[in-house]
Amino acid sequence: MPSDEDWTWKFTPHAADQFDGLDHHVQDRIVSKLDDIVNYPCLVAAFVGSLRQGLPVSMTRFADTE
């Protein structure tokens, strides 16, 4: 049984339609990033913290594997 701390993600129907139209490599990258977010919540906390410090989103990157 999942605990309250277990997270998952799923696409809304509209997002799923758009996702299906993407290149396979792009789909893999998106899924990888979403998995990172739910599996490593400390990354989300670091991202939100950097936004609160006034860093522009374009300068805030996390879990980038490429």
C-alpha atoms as a PDB file:
ATOM      1  CA  MET A   1       0.000   0.000   0.000  1.00  0.00           C
ATOM      2  CA  PRO A   2       1.462   3.397  -0.928  1.00  0.00           C
ATOM      3  CA  SER A   3       2.214   5.764   1.910  1.00  0.00           C
ATOM      4  CA  ASP A   4       1.265   9.434   1.995  1.00  0.00           C
ATOM      5  CA  GLU A   5       4.811  10.222   0.888  1.00  0.00           C
ATOM      6  CA  ASP A   6       4.597   8.233  -2.364  1.00  0.00           C
ATOM      7  CA  TRP A   7       4.064  10.419  -5.410  1.00  0.00           C
ATOM      8  CA  THR A   8       3.288   9.678  -9.004  1.00  0.00           C
ATOM      9  CA  TRP A   9       2.486  11.682 -12.092  1.00  0.00           C
ATOM     10  CA  LYS A  10       0.131  11.373 -15.022  1.00  0.00           C
ATOM     11  CA  PHE A  11      -0.795  13.517 -17.982  1.00  0.00           C
ATOM     12  CA  THR A  12      -4.123  15.250 -18.365  1.00  0.00           C
ATOM     13  CA  PRO A  13      -5.913  14.113 -21.535  1.00  0.00           C
ATOM     14  CA  HIS A  14      -4.857  17.285 -23.384  1.00  0.00           C
ATOM     15  CA  ALA A  15      -1.226  16.921 -22.286  1.00  0.00           C
ATOM     16  CA  ALA A  16      -1.247  13.227 -23.265  1.00  0.00           C
ATOM     17  CA  ASP A  17      -2.407  14.152 -26.773  1.00  0.00           C
ATOM     18  CA  GLN A  18       0.408  16.687 -27.113  1.00  0.00           C
ATOM     19  CA  PHE A  19       2.945  14.263 -25.647  1.00  0.00           C
ATOM     20  CA  ASP A  20       1.982  11.598 -28.183  1.00  0.00           C
ATOM     21  CA  GLY A  21       2.906  13.991 -30.991  1.00  0.00           C
ATOM     22  CA  LEU A  22       6.466  14.514 -29.759  1.00  0.00           C
ATOM     23  CA  ASP A  23       9.635  12.832 -30.978  1.00  0.00           C
ATOM     24  CA  HIS A  24      10.483   9.652 -29.042  1.00  0.00           C
ATOM     25  CA  HIS A  25      13.721  11.160 -27.674  1.00  0.00           C
ATOM     26  CA  VAL A  26      11.830  14.193 -26.350  1.00  0.00           C
ATOM     27  CA  GLN A  27       9.225  11.922 -24.762  1.00  0.00           C
ATOM     28  CA  ASP A  28      11.988   9.978 -22.984  1.00  0.00           C
ATOM     29  CA  ARG A  29      13.509  13.195 -21.628  1.00  0.00           C
ATOM     30  CA  ILE A  30      10.165  14.447 -20.341  1.00  0.00           C
ATOM     31  CA  VAL A  31       9.357  11.142 -18.650  1.00  0.00           C
ATOM     32  CA  SER A  32      12.833  11.080 -17.113  1.00  0.00           C
ATOM     33  CA  LYS A  33      12.393  14.592 -15.685  1.00  0.00           C
ATOM     34  CA  LEU A  34       8.933  13.808 -14.297  1.00  0.00           C
ATOM     35  CA  ASP A  35      10.277  10.623 -12.710  1.00  0.00           C
ATOM     36  CA  ASP A  36      13.112  12.625 -11.135  1.00  0.00           C
ATOM     37  CA  ILE A  37      10.619  15.066  -9.662  1.00  0.00           C
ATOM     38  CA  VAL A  38       8.530  12.393  -7.954  1.00  0.00           C
ATOM     39  CA  ASN A  39      11.481  10.225  -6.911  1.00  0.00           C
ATOM     40  CA  TYR A  40      13.722  13.037  -5.628  1.00  0.00           C
ATOM     41  CA  PRO A  41      11.574  15.714  -3.973  1.00  0.00           C
ATOM     42  CA  CYS A  42      14.714  17.483  -2.741  1.00  0.00           C
ATOM     43  CA  LEU A  43      15.245  18.581  -6.362  1.00  0.00           C
ATOM     44  CA  VAL A  44      11.872  20.301  -6.348  1.00  0.00           C
ATOM     45  CA  ALA A  45      12.692  22.011  -3.061  1.00  0.00           C
ATOM     46  CA  ALA A  46      15.981  23.283  -4.507  1.00  0.00           C
ATOM     47  CA  PHE A  47      14.204  24.542  -7.626  1.00  0.00           C
ATOM     48  CA  VAL A  48      11.517  26.358  -5.648  1.00  0.00           C
ATOM     49  CA  GLY A  49      14.140  27.767  -3.305  1.00  0.00           C
ATOM     50  CA  SER A  50      16.127  29.207  -6.201  1.00  0.00           C
ATOM     51  CA  LEU A  51      12.972  30.839  -7.588  1.00  0.00           C
ATOM     52  CA  ARG A  52      12.308  32.413  -4.200  1.00  0.00           C
ATOM     53  CA  GLN A  53      15.835  33.818  -4.238  1.00  0.00           C
ATOM     54  CA  GLY A  54      14.981  35.645  -7.449  1.00  0.00           C
ATOM     55  CA  LEU A  55      16.903  33.530  -9.962  1.00  0.00           C
ATOM     56  CA  PRO A  56      15.251  33.529 -13.383  1.00  0.00           C
ATOM     57  CA  VAL A  57      13.775  30.191 -14.410  1.00  0.00           C
ATOM     58  CA  SER A  58      16.088  30.108 -17.434  1.00  0.00           C
ATOM     59  CA  MET A  59      19.080  30.001 -15.050  1.00  0.00           C
ATOM     60  CA  THR A  60      17.574  27.328 -12.788  1.00  0.00           C
ATOM     61  CA  ARG A  61      18.338  23.776 -13.869  1.00  0.00           C
ATOM     62  CA  PHE A  62      18.216  20.552 -11.965  1.00  0.00           C
ATOM     63  CA  ALA A  63      18.687  16.878 -12.737  1.00  0.00           C
ATOM     64  CA  ASP A  64      20.025  17.668 -16.173  1.00  0.00           C
ATOM     65  CA  THR A  65      21.694  14.548 -17.505  1.00  0.00           C
ATOM     66  CA  GLU A  66      22.784  15.851 -20.875  1.00  0.00           C
END
